Amino acid sequence: EKQRKDNEYRFNIIDTPGHIDFTVEVQRSLRVLDGAVVVFDGVAGVEPQSETVWRQADKFNVPRVCFINNLDRMGASFDRSLASIHERLTSHAIPLTIPIGHEQQHEGVVDLLRMKAVRFLGEHGEKIVVEDIPQNLVEEAKKRRDELVEKISETDDQLMEHFLEGKEVSVEALRSALRKATIASRLVPVFAGSALKNKGVQLVLDGVVDYLPSPVDLPPVKGVDPKSGLEVFRESKDDEKFAALAFKLQSDPYVGQLTFFRVYSGVLKAGSYILNATKGSQERVGRILRLHANSREELGEIQSGNIGALVGLKNTHTGDTLCDPEHPILLEQIVFPEPVVSLKIEPKTKQDQEKMGLALRKLSEEDPTFRLKGDTETGDTIISGMGELHLEIIV
């Protein structure tokens, strides 16, 4: 919902663990989000998990930007981390900012497009100071900017002409070409900084607005009409027929079951009836919530492109399509990997048997990569999941 109101934007952010055991969170997030910020550690660079997540993003065609984080840590190196992205993930990654100093000397970043140094003062880096590039970095910044301009120009014929003629290309033209190239996954902008000290993250948020797609930048979502079996499309517009995908269930101690959903088209009003096209059953929308980390706000309606949670749905699971009953559509489901590790589990006392069963059933509803079955011969309860850590946390 990126409408320019005095330069104000709404971000719907989902933060997922990168660990392979929680691949369900990555899969479902990539399925419903339009863009991704991939965070790397400035010391370790690309880790094995990063490769898995990167391939998942490739599979879902999600445009991304990179953030090389923790550059204030001992042993951090922007260049080494960037080299590991080039070697192991993609040759199309291009830095838009480079750090001023590493480890304790990490003071801020150089913004290569604007050719300015940006420092972050105050307790939380909230005071942003834009100044000239420090003398010792001017040479390097110039060289990097030339590479950047060349890389962006290669994706746009008109810019390429200007570039070859040695003409100066405006920052606006570079931004707009980079935006197109990023959304088409031809280039991946890279940012530097330290999230803990809020150094450089402000430029990453600007980068999300400048280079990653808003819902209206993407092609209409494709689905199937359950009656005729024909392909149907829904545009990301409020006046289109309502279509959404439920992508996560969560038990909440205060309100009961929360169903997280992404609206692809149309508007949903609290109190209305919708069709769960996957199950072929009607559901009544009780309350619509917008979640802010651990707090929430109640909405009368939710518009196209947004993410919210519904309270009170009876028969909706992860991957189900919710839509206008008069205009049914089935969106593509979310496919999850099969569990790979199993454990026998038993309660401490006989009285806890029933409680344990209920708790495990609830958890398996919330997490499609977690399975539960009874062994008929031995009477044991067997749980299966994506790895030891996954099952440890569930237990």
Protein backbone atom coordinates (compact mmCIF):
# COMPACT_ATOMS: atom_id res chain seq x y z
CA GLU A 1 0.00 0.00 0.00
CA LYS A 2 2.70 2.40 -1.05
CA GLN A 3 0.79 5.58 -1.57
CA ARG A 4 2.90 8.72 -1.47
CA LYS A 5 1.36 10.75 1.31
CA ASP A 6 4.09 13.21 2.33
CA ASN A 7 6.43 10.36 1.56
CA GLU A 8 4.67 7.94 3.94
CA TYR A 9 4.47 4.24 3.20
CA ARG A 10 2.94 1.22 4.83
CA PHE A 11 5.24 -1.78 5.09
CA ASN A 12 3.93 -5.28 5.76
CA ILE A 13 6.95 -7.04 7.22
CA ILE A 14 7.30 -10.71 8.05
CA ASP A 15 10.52 -11.69 9.79
CA THR A 16 11.36 -15.37 9.38
CA PRO A 17 14.08 -17.49 10.95
CA GLY A 18 16.66 -18.47 8.33
CA HIS A 19 17.35 -21.86 9.96
CA ILE A 20 16.58 -24.83 7.71
CA ASP A 21 14.48 -26.52 10.44
CA PHE A 22 11.98 -23.67 10.14
CA THR A 23 11.75 -23.86 6.38
CA VAL A 24 7.93 -23.74 6.72
CA GLU A 25 8.18 -20.09 7.81
CA VAL A 26 10.39 -19.22 4.85
CA GLN A 27 8.17 -21.06 2.33
CA ARG A 28 4.94 -19.46 3.47
CA SER A 29 6.46 -15.98 3.72
CA LEU A 30 7.98 -16.12 0.24
CA ARG A 31 4.62 -17.32 -1.07
CA VAL A 32 2.70 -14.27 0.20
CA LEU A 33 5.29 -11.47 0.12
CA ASP A 34 6.27 -9.36 -2.89
CA GLY A 35 9.93 -8.72 -2.06
CA ALA A 36 12.63 -9.82 0.39
CA VAL A 37 15.53 -8.30 2.29
CA VAL A 38 18.17 -10.98 2.74
CA VAL A 39 20.34 -10.31 5.79
CA PHE A 40 23.93 -11.54 5.95
CA ASP A 41 26.39 -11.47 8.81
CA GLY A 42 29.36 -9.18 8.03
CA VAL A 43 31.76 -11.70 9.58
CA ALA A 44 30.42 -15.00 8.19
CA GLY A 45 29.06 -13.74 4.85
CA VAL A 46 26.98 -16.34 3.03
CA GLU A 47 26.21 -19.27 5.34
CA PRO A 48 24.85 -22.67 4.19
CA GLN A 49 21.33 -21.68 5.36
CA SER A 50 21.53 -18.51 3.27
CA GLU A 51 21.95 -20.59 0.13
CA THR A 52 18.83 -22.64 0.88
CA VAL A 53 16.72 -19.55 1.48
CA TRP A 54 18.13 -17.88 -1.64
CA ARG A 55 17.15 -20.87 -3.79
CA GLN A 56 13.65 -20.78 -2.26
CA ALA A 57 13.37 -17.10 -3.20
CA ASP A 58 14.48 -18.01 -6.76
CA LYS A 59 11.78 -20.64 -6.91
CA PHE A 60 9.08 -18.15 -5.88
CA ASN A 61 10.52 -15.44 -8.18
CA VAL A 62 10.79 -12.97 -5.31
CA PRO A 63 12.87 -9.83 -6.05
CA ARG A 64 15.34 -9.07 -3.27
CA VAL A 65 17.85 -6.65 -1.81
CA CYS A 66 20.72 -7.66 0.49
CA PHE A 67 21.83 -6.17 3.78
CA ILE A 68 25.33 -6.96 5.06
CA ASN A 69 24.85 -6.53 8.80
CA ASN A 70 27.07 -6.46 11.94
CA LEU A 71 29.91 -4.54 10.26
CA ASP A 72 30.83 -3.25 13.73
CA ARG A 73 31.72 -6.79 14.89
CA MET A 74 35.29 -8.04 15.30
CA GLY A 75 36.52 -9.58 12.05
CA ALA A 76 33.77 -8.07 9.88
CA SER A 77 34.56 -7.42 6.23
CA PHE A 78 32.13 -5.92 3.73
CA ASP A 79 34.26 -6.92 0.75
CA ARG A 80 34.65 -10.50 1.88
CA SER A 81 30.90 -10.85 2.53
CA LEU A 82 30.07 -9.29 -0.84
CA ALA A 83 32.54 -11.65 -2.55
CA SER A 84 30.79 -14.62 -0.90
CA ILE A 85 27.43 -13.39 -2.29
CA HIS A 86 28.99 -13.12 -5.77
CA GLU A 87 30.58 -16.57 -5.55
CA ARG A 88 27.77 -18.55 -3.98
CA LEU A 89 24.50 -16.79 -4.80
CA THR A 90 24.53 -14.34 -7.70
CA SER A 91 26.89 -12.25 -9.80
CA HIS A 92 24.17 -9.59 -10.10
CA ALA A 93 24.60 -8.18 -6.58
CA ILE A 94 25.72 -4.53 -6.64
CA PRO A 95 26.56 -2.35 -3.62
CA LEU A 96 24.61 0.89 -3.22
CA THR A 97 26.29 1.73 0.08
CA ILE A 98 29.74 0.88 1.46
CA PRO A 99 30.79 1.12 5.11
CA ILE A 100 32.87 3.94 6.57
CA GLY A 101 35.23 1.90 8.73
CA HIS A 102 34.82 -1.60 10.18
CA GLU A 103 34.63 -3.01 13.73
CA GLN A 104 34.82 -0.21 16.35
CA GLN A 105 35.55 2.32 13.59
CA HIS A 106 32.26 1.62 11.79
CA GLU A 107 30.77 5.12 11.74
CA GLY A 108 28.30 5.11 8.89
CA VAL A 109 28.05 4.45 5.17
CA VAL A 110 28.79 6.08 1.83
CA ASP A 111 25.70 6.36 -0.37
CA LEU A 112 27.19 5.69 -3.82
CA LEU A 113 24.25 7.01 -5.86
CA ARG A 114 24.27 10.40 -4.13
CA MET A 115 28.04 10.31 -3.48
CA LYS A 116 27.53 11.43 0.12
CA ALA A 117 28.62 10.09 3.49
CA VAL A 118 25.73 9.30 5.84
CA ARG A 119 26.30 9.09 9.60
CA PHE A 120 23.82 8.03 12.26
CA LEU A 121 24.06 9.95 15.53
CA GLY A 122 22.03 9.94 18.73
CA GLU A 123 21.32 6.99 20.99
CA HIS A 124 19.39 5.03 18.35
CA GLY A 125 20.99 6.40 15.21
CA GLU A 126 17.88 8.53 14.72
CA LYS A 127 19.82 11.70 13.79
CA ILE A 128 20.84 11.25 10.18
CA VAL A 129 23.69 13.49 9.05
CA VAL A 130 24.55 13.72 5.34
CA GLU A 131 28.02 15.12 4.62
CA ASP A 132 30.98 14.92 2.27
CA ILE A 133 32.75 11.59 1.82
CA PRO A 134 35.86 11.25 4.03
CA GLN A 135 39.04 11.98 2.01
CA ASN A 136 40.44 8.46 2.39
CA LEU A 137 37.32 6.91 0.78
CA VAL A 138 36.80 9.30 -2.15
CA GLU A 139 38.88 7.26 -4.62
CA GLU A 140 37.23 3.95 -3.74
CA ALA A 141 33.74 5.48 -3.79
CA LYS A 142 34.33 6.93 -7.28
CA LYS A 143 35.54 3.59 -8.60
CA ARG A 144 32.56 1.75 -7.04
CA ARG A 145 30.09 4.32 -8.35
CA ASP A 146 31.43 3.91 -11.91
CA GLU A 147 30.92 0.15 -11.63
CA LEU A 148 27.42 0.72 -10.25
CA VAL A 149 26.43 3.10 -13.06
CA GLU A 150 27.80 0.67 -15.65
CA LYS A 151 25.90 -2.28 -14.15
CA ILE A 152 22.61 -0.31 -14.04
CA SER A 153 23.15 1.09 -17.55
CA GLU A 154 23.58 -2.42 -18.96
CA THR A 155 19.90 -3.08 -18.13
CA ASP A 156 18.57 -0.01 -19.97
CA ASP A 157 19.31 0.91 -23.61
CA GLN A 158 18.92 4.65 -23.21
CA LEU A 159 21.19 4.79 -20.17
CA MET A 160 23.70 2.62 -22.00
CA GLU A 161 23.88 5.22 -24.79
CA HIS A 162 24.47 8.03 -22.30
CA PHE A 163 27.05 5.92 -20.51
CA LEU A 164 28.99 5.12 -23.69
CA GLU A 165 28.93 8.79 -24.71
CA GLY A 166 30.33 9.66 -21.29
CA LYS A 167 27.28 11.75 -20.36
CA GLU A 168 26.33 12.25 -16.71
CA VAL A 169 23.25 10.18 -15.83
CA SER A 170 20.86 11.67 -13.24
CA VAL A 171 20.33 9.89 -9.90
CA GLU A 172 16.56 9.73 -10.69
CA ALA A 173 17.19 7.93 -13.99
CA LEU A 174 19.56 5.48 -12.28
CA ARG A 175 17.03 4.79 -9.50
CA SER A 176 14.19 4.17 -11.90
CA ALA A 177 16.29 1.81 -14.07
CA LEU A 178 17.54 -0.02 -10.98
CA ARG A 179 13.96 -0.40 -9.75
CA LYS A 180 12.93 -2.08 -13.02
CA ALA A 181 15.99 -4.33 -12.97
CA THR A 182 15.47 -5.34 -9.32
CA ILE A 183 11.78 -6.17 -9.80
CA ALA A 184 12.74 -8.27 -12.84
CA SER A 185 15.41 -10.00 -10.65
CA ARG A 186 18.17 -8.83 -13.00
CA LEU A 187 20.03 -6.90 -10.29
CA VAL A 188 20.22 -7.21 -6.50
CA PRO A 189 21.04 -3.99 -4.58
CA VAL A 190 23.35 -4.48 -1.57
CA PHE A 191 23.39 -2.29 1.56
CA ALA A 192 25.88 -2.12 4.44
CA GLY A 193 25.51 -1.32 8.12
CA SER A 194 24.81 -2.48 11.64
CA ALA A 195 21.20 -3.07 12.66
CA LEU A 196 22.01 -3.14 16.38
CA LYS A 197 23.26 0.46 16.30
CA ASN A 198 20.72 1.50 13.62
CA LYS A 199 23.52 2.37 11.22
CA GLY A 200 22.56 2.01 7.57
CA VAL A 201 19.12 0.44 8.15
CA GLN A 202 17.33 3.70 7.25
CA LEU A 203 18.81 3.46 3.74
CA VAL A 204 17.65 -0.17 3.52
CA LEU A 205 14.06 0.92 4.26
CA ASP A 206 14.38 3.62 1.58
CA GLY A 207 15.74 0.88 -0.67
CA VAL A 208 12.65 -1.27 -0.05
CA VAL A 209 10.48 1.65 -1.21
CA ASP A 210 12.76 2.58 -4.12
CA TYR A 211 13.57 -0.86 -5.53
CA LEU A 212 11.25 -3.61 -4.29
CA PRO A 213 7.76 -4.01 -5.81
CA SER A 214 4.56 -2.78 -4.24
CA PRO A 215 1.52 -5.04 -4.83
CA VAL A 216 0.51 -3.00 -7.89
CA ASP A 217 3.90 -3.52 -9.57
CA LEU A 218 3.28 -7.23 -9.91
CA PRO A 219 1.20 -9.06 -12.52
CA PRO A 220 -2.37 -9.98 -11.48
CA VAL A 221 -2.56 -13.06 -9.27
CA LYS A 222 -3.52 -16.23 -11.12
CA GLY A 223 -6.07 -18.77 -9.88
CA VAL A 224 -8.61 -21.34 -11.06
CA ASP A 225 -12.39 -21.01 -11.09
CA PRO A 226 -13.44 -24.06 -9.01
CA LYS A 227 -16.68 -24.44 -11.01
CA SER A 228 -15.36 -24.30 -14.57
CA GLY A 229 -11.71 -25.21 -13.96
CA LEU A 230 -10.67 -22.23 -16.13
CA GLU A 231 -7.83 -19.85 -15.26
CA VAL A 232 -8.91 -16.55 -13.71
CA PHE A 233 -6.94 -13.47 -12.71
CA ARG A 234 -7.39 -10.87 -9.99
CA GLU A 235 -5.71 -7.47 -10.09
CA SER A 236 -4.36 -5.87 -6.94
CA LYS A 237 -7.14 -3.30 -6.72
CA ASP A 238 -9.66 -2.43 -4.04
CA ASP A 239 -12.56 -2.45 -6.51
CA GLU A 240 -11.74 -5.98 -7.73
CA LYS A 241 -13.50 -9.09 -6.33
CA PHE A 242 -12.10 -10.24 -2.97
CA ALA A 243 -9.42 -12.97 -2.97
CA ALA A 244 -6.93 -13.85 -0.21
CA LEU A 245 -4.70 -16.68 0.95
CA ALA A 246 -4.52 -17.98 4.54
CA PHE A 247 -0.84 -18.64 5.19
CA LYS A 248 -0.46 -19.22 8.93
CA LEU A 249 -2.50 -20.29 11.96
CA GLN A 250 -1.58 -19.28 15.47
CA SER A 251 -3.23 -19.93 18.82
CA ASP A 252 -3.53 -16.75 20.82
CA PRO A 253 -4.17 -16.90 24.59
CA TYR A 254 -6.52 -13.89 24.42
CA VAL A 255 -8.57 -14.31 21.25
CA GLY A 256 -8.24 -17.99 20.33
CA GLN A 257 -7.26 -19.02 16.81
CA LEU A 258 -5.70 -16.34 14.59
CA THR A 259 -5.67 -16.93 10.83
CA PHE A 260 -3.04 -14.81 9.08
CA PHE A 261 -3.95 -13.93 5.52
CA ARG A 262 -2.70 -11.92 2.54
CA VAL A 263 -5.29 -9.97 0.52
CA TYR A 264 -4.56 -10.18 -3.21
CA SER A 265 -7.58 -8.26 -4.45
CA GLY A 266 -10.68 -6.47 -3.24
CA VAL A 267 -11.66 -5.33 0.25
CA LEU A 268 -12.82 -7.46 3.19
CA LYS A 269 -15.24 -6.03 5.76
CA ALA A 270 -15.64 -7.32 9.30
CA GLY A 271 -18.89 -9.23 9.79
CA SER A 272 -19.18 -10.33 6.15
CA TYR A 273 -19.36 -13.88 4.80
CA ILE A 274 -16.60 -15.36 2.66
CA LEU A 275 -16.04 -18.64 0.87
CA ASN A 276 -13.17 -20.95 1.71
CA ALA A 277 -12.76 -22.16 -1.89
CA THR A 278 -10.32 -24.91 -0.88
CA LYS A 279 -12.81 -26.59 1.48
CA GLY A 280 -15.94 -25.40 -0.34
CA SER A 281 -17.41 -24.02 2.88
CA GLN A 282 -18.62 -20.58 3.98
CA GLU A 283 -16.93 -18.74 6.84
CA ARG A 284 -18.10 -15.67 8.73
CA VAL A 285 -15.50 -12.97 9.31
CA GLY A 286 -15.56 -12.08 13.00
CA ARG A 287 -12.83 -9.57 13.69
CA ILE A 288 -10.04 -8.36 11.42
CA LEU A 289 -6.77 -7.49 13.14
CA ARG A 290 -3.67 -5.70 11.96
CA LEU A 291 -0.69 -7.00 13.90
CA HIS A 292 2.17 -4.84 15.12
CA ALA A 293 4.73 -7.21 16.67
CA ASN A 294 3.06 -8.01 20.01
CA SER A 295 0.24 -5.45 19.86
CA ARG A 296 -2.74 -5.38 17.51
CA GLU A 297 -5.32 -3.01 16.19
CA GLU A 298 -8.85 -3.87 15.14
CA LEU A 299 -9.91 -2.93 11.59
CA GLY A 300 -13.37 -2.41 10.14
CA GLU A 301 -12.02 -3.48 6.75
CA ILE A 302 -8.76 -4.46 5.09
CA GLN A 303 -7.71 -3.47 1.58
CA SER A 304 -5.97 -5.13 -1.31
CA GLY A 305 -2.26 -5.86 -0.92
CA ASN A 306 -2.35 -5.97 2.87
CA ILE A 307 -1.66 -8.63 5.48
CA GLY A 308 -3.88 -9.14 8.52
CA ALA A 309 -5.31 -11.80 10.81
CA LEU A 310 -8.89 -13.06 11.20
CA VAL A 311 -10.45 -14.22 14.45
CA GLY A 312 -13.14 -16.88 14.58
CA LEU A 313 -12.67 -18.90 11.37
CA LYS A 314 -13.80 -22.48 11.97
CA ASN A 315 -12.48 -24.57 9.14
CA THR A 316 -9.58 -22.76 7.47
CA HIS A 317 -6.03 -24.12 7.30
CA THR A 318 -2.68 -22.99 5.96
CA GLY A 319 -2.78 -22.55 2.18
CA ASP A 320 -6.57 -22.21 1.87
CA THR A 321 -8.05 -19.60 -0.46
CA LEU A 322 -10.61 -17.16 0.98
CA CYS A 323 -12.76 -15.31 -1.55
CA ASP A 324 -16.01 -13.62 -2.51
CA PRO A 325 -18.74 -16.35 -2.45
CA GLU A 326 -20.29 -14.95 -5.67
CA HIS A 327 -16.97 -15.04 -7.54
CA PRO A 328 -15.01 -18.09 -6.39
CA ILE A 329 -11.30 -18.50 -7.17
CA LEU A 330 -8.72 -21.06 -6.05
CA LEU A 331 -5.22 -19.67 -5.61
CA GLU A 332 -2.13 -21.87 -5.78
CA GLN A 333 -1.57 -23.70 -2.51
CA ILE A 334 1.65 -23.63 -0.51
CA VAL A 335 3.72 -26.78 -0.85
CA PHE A 336 5.73 -27.84 2.20
CA PRO A 337 8.58 -30.35 2.41
CA GLU A 338 7.99 -33.72 4.06
CA PRO A 339 9.27 -34.25 7.65
CA VAL A 340 12.65 -35.97 7.93
CA VAL A 341 13.13 -36.78 11.64
CA SER A 342 10.82 -38.71 14.02
CA LEU A 343 10.75 -39.10 17.79
CA LYS A 344 8.69 -41.07 20.27
CA ILE A 345 7.06 -38.79 22.84
CA GLU A 346 5.34 -39.65 26.11
CA PRO A 347 3.79 -37.59 28.93
CA LYS A 348 5.33 -37.55 32.43
CA THR A 349 2.11 -38.91 33.96
CA LYS A 350 -0.93 -40.81 32.66
CA GLN A 351 -3.17 -37.79 33.50
CA ASP A 352 -1.21 -35.65 31.05
CA GLN A 353 -1.90 -38.00 28.12
CA GLU A 354 -4.99 -36.13 26.95
CA LYS A 355 -3.46 -32.67 27.49
CA MET A 356 -0.39 -33.69 25.49
CA GLY A 357 -2.57 -34.99 22.66
CA LEU A 358 -4.51 -31.71 22.47
CA ALA A 359 -1.36 -29.59 22.58
CA LEU A 360 0.34 -31.63 19.85
CA ARG A 361 -2.75 -31.49 17.63
CA LYS A 362 -2.83 -27.71 18.02
CA LEU A 363 0.85 -27.46 17.11
CA SER A 364 0.41 -29.67 14.04
CA GLU A 365 -2.43 -27.42 12.84
CA GLU A 366 -0.15 -24.39 13.17
CA ASP A 367 2.88 -26.00 11.53
CA PRO A 368 2.36 -28.01 8.31
CA THR A 369 5.90 -29.48 8.53
CA PHE A 370 5.14 -31.05 11.92
CA ARG A 371 3.25 -34.37 11.91
CA LEU A 372 1.80 -36.52 14.62
CA LYS A 373 0.77 -40.16 14.52
CA GLY A 374 -0.03 -43.00 16.88
CA ASP A 375 1.77 -46.32 16.44
CA THR A 376 -1.08 -48.85 16.67
CA GLU A 377 1.14 -51.82 17.60
CA THR A 378 3.04 -50.21 20.50
CA GLY A 379 0.56 -47.49 21.44
CA ASP A 380 3.36 -44.88 21.19
CA THR A 381 2.87 -41.33 19.96
CA ILE A 382 5.33 -40.47 17.18
CA ILE A 383 6.11 -36.86 16.21
CA SER A 384 7.94 -35.94 12.99
CA GLY A 385 9.52 -32.69 11.86
CA MET A 386 12.24 -30.95 9.86
CA GLY A 387 15.16 -31.54 12.22
CA GLU A 388 16.31 -32.02 15.81
CA LEU A 389 16.06 -28.32 16.68
CA HIS A 390 12.53 -28.15 15.25
CA LEU A 391 11.31 -31.06 17.40
CA GLU A 392 13.25 -29.86 20.46
CA ILE A 393 11.45 -26.51 20.33
CA ILE A 394 8.05 -28.17 19.78
CA VAL A 395 8.61 -30.45 22.80
